[in-house]
Amino acid sequence: MNDPRVAVALRYLAGADEAPRVVARGRGEVADRLLDRARRHGGPVHPDRDLAQALAALDVGAEIPPKLYEALAEILAYVWKINEGQRPPLA
């Protein structure tokens, strides 16, 4: 069964990570739980199924490969916009 519901959680720690990392991923009910947790904790959620599918193919703990940087930059711009231009501290 190829459940279309997919979610990926990312983390970036300045000074520790060279690129954002996959910290959780899941399909179906696991994706639903990841999304619910993000929403409950005020985390941004960006609906991009194609990017989520690509990121879900990565291992947990893996850094985002350079070929996905442009798509990820679009998400960061989205997050920045929904946070009203307020950038979180980098460290």
Foldseek 3Di string as FASTA:
>chain_A
DDALQKDWDWDDAPPPDPAIFTADIDGDPRSVVVVVVCVVVVHDDDDDSVVRVVRNVDDGGDGDDPVCVVVVVVVVVVVCVVVVNDDDDRD
